[in-house]
């Protein structure tokens, strides 16, 4: 598991924790639930809000089967002024 403390407005997750050959499909999850429309190899969160805090993972699927990445926890902290 990876923990991230966010103080920026954009965060990019990659599927680097999942190895897949062929033509894999991707499905990103937040807190275990699929994120609608999040099916690319990377997940970009823009203008991050407190509601986006949580645990993220990606599921890669190809002809050989399915693999799930380790999780990354996004913690959103109040802006430092």
Protein backbone atom coordinates (compact mmCIF):
# COMPACT_ATOMS: atom_id res chain seq x y z
CA UNK A 1 0.00 0.00 0.00
CA UNK A 2 1.18 3.50 -0.81
CA UNK A 3 0.04 6.57 1.11
CA UNK A 4 -0.02 9.98 -0.58
CA UNK A 5 -0.58 13.34 1.06
CA UNK A 6 -1.87 15.74 -1.54
CA UNK A 7 -1.08 19.44 -1.56
CA UNK A 8 -1.43 19.92 -5.32
CA UNK A 9 -4.43 20.20 -7.56
CA UNK A 10 -3.61 17.33 -9.95
CA UNK A 11 -2.68 13.74 -9.12
CA UNK A 12 -1.85 11.01 -11.61
CA UNK A 13 -1.90 7.30 -10.79
CA UNK A 14 -0.34 4.80 -13.20
CA UNK A 15 -0.94 1.10 -13.67
CA UNK A 16 2.76 0.38 -13.03
CA UNK A 17 1.85 -2.01 -10.20
CA UNK A 18 0.10 -4.38 -12.63
CA UNK A 19 1.90 -6.39 -15.31
CA UNK A 20 -0.15 -7.37 -18.34
CA UNK A 21 0.71 -8.48 -21.85
CA UNK A 22 -1.36 -8.42 -24.99
CA UNK A 23 -4.18 -5.91 -25.02
CA UNK A 24 -5.18 -5.41 -21.39
CA UNK A 25 -8.24 -3.50 -20.30
CA UNK A 26 -8.14 -1.42 -17.15
CA UNK A 27 -10.72 -0.54 -14.52
CA UNK A 28 -9.79 1.86 -11.74
CA UNK A 29 -11.42 1.46 -8.34
CA UNK A 30 -11.87 3.80 -5.40
CA UNK A 31 -12.57 2.23 -2.03
CA UNK A 32 -13.22 -1.07 -3.83
CA UNK A 33 -15.90 0.29 -6.18
CA UNK A 34 -15.36 0.81 -9.95
CA UNK A 35 -14.88 4.43 -11.01
CA UNK A 36 -17.24 5.18 -13.88
CA UNK A 37 -15.34 5.84 -17.11
CA UNK A 38 -11.91 5.22 -15.53
CA UNK A 39 -10.63 2.61 -17.97
CA UNK A 40 -7.27 3.98 -19.15
CA UNK A 41 -3.81 2.83 -18.06
CA UNK A 42 -3.51 6.03 -16.02
CA UNK A 43 -5.95 7.81 -13.73
CA UNK A 44 -5.75 11.58 -13.50
CA UNK A 45 -7.57 13.47 -10.76
CA UNK A 46 -7.84 17.20 -11.40
CA UNK A 47 -8.95 19.88 -8.95
CA UNK A 48 -8.80 17.30 -6.17
CA UNK A 49 -11.32 17.68 -3.36
CA UNK A 50 -11.74 16.06 0.05
CA UNK A 51 -14.39 13.76 -1.49
CA UNK A 52 -11.67 12.14 -3.62
CA UNK A 53 -9.70 10.95 -0.61
CA UNK A 54 -9.66 7.18 -0.38
CA UNK A 55 -7.96 4.00 -1.51
CA UNK A 56 -7.29 3.53 -5.22
CA UNK A 57 -6.33 0.44 -7.24
CA UNK A 58 -6.48 -0.70 -10.84
CA UNK A 59 -7.67 -4.04 -12.20
CA UNK A 60 -6.03 -5.17 -15.48
CA UNK A 61 -7.64 -7.91 -17.53
CA UNK A 62 -6.43 -9.74 -20.63
CA UNK A 63 -6.73 -13.20 -22.19
CA UNK A 64 -4.54 -14.69 -19.45
CA UNK A 65 -6.74 -13.44 -16.61
CA UNK A 66 -7.08 -10.58 -14.16
CA UNK A 67 -4.56 -8.84 -11.91
CA UNK A 68 -5.20 -6.17 -9.29
CA UNK A 69 -2.57 -3.61 -8.28
CA UNK A 70 -1.59 -2.86 -4.75
CA UNK A 71 -3.60 -0.01 -3.29
CA UNK A 72 -2.60 3.62 -2.99
CA UNK A 73 -4.25 5.74 -0.32
CA UNK A 74 -4.93 9.37 -1.18
CA UNK A 75 -5.17 11.68 1.80
CA UNK A 76 -6.29 15.23 1.06
CA UNK A 77 -4.92 17.77 3.50
CA UNK A 78 -6.14 21.32 3.98
CA UNK A 79 -4.15 23.85 1.98
CA UNK A 80 -1.26 25.43 3.82
CA UNK A 81 -1.58 29.19 3.73
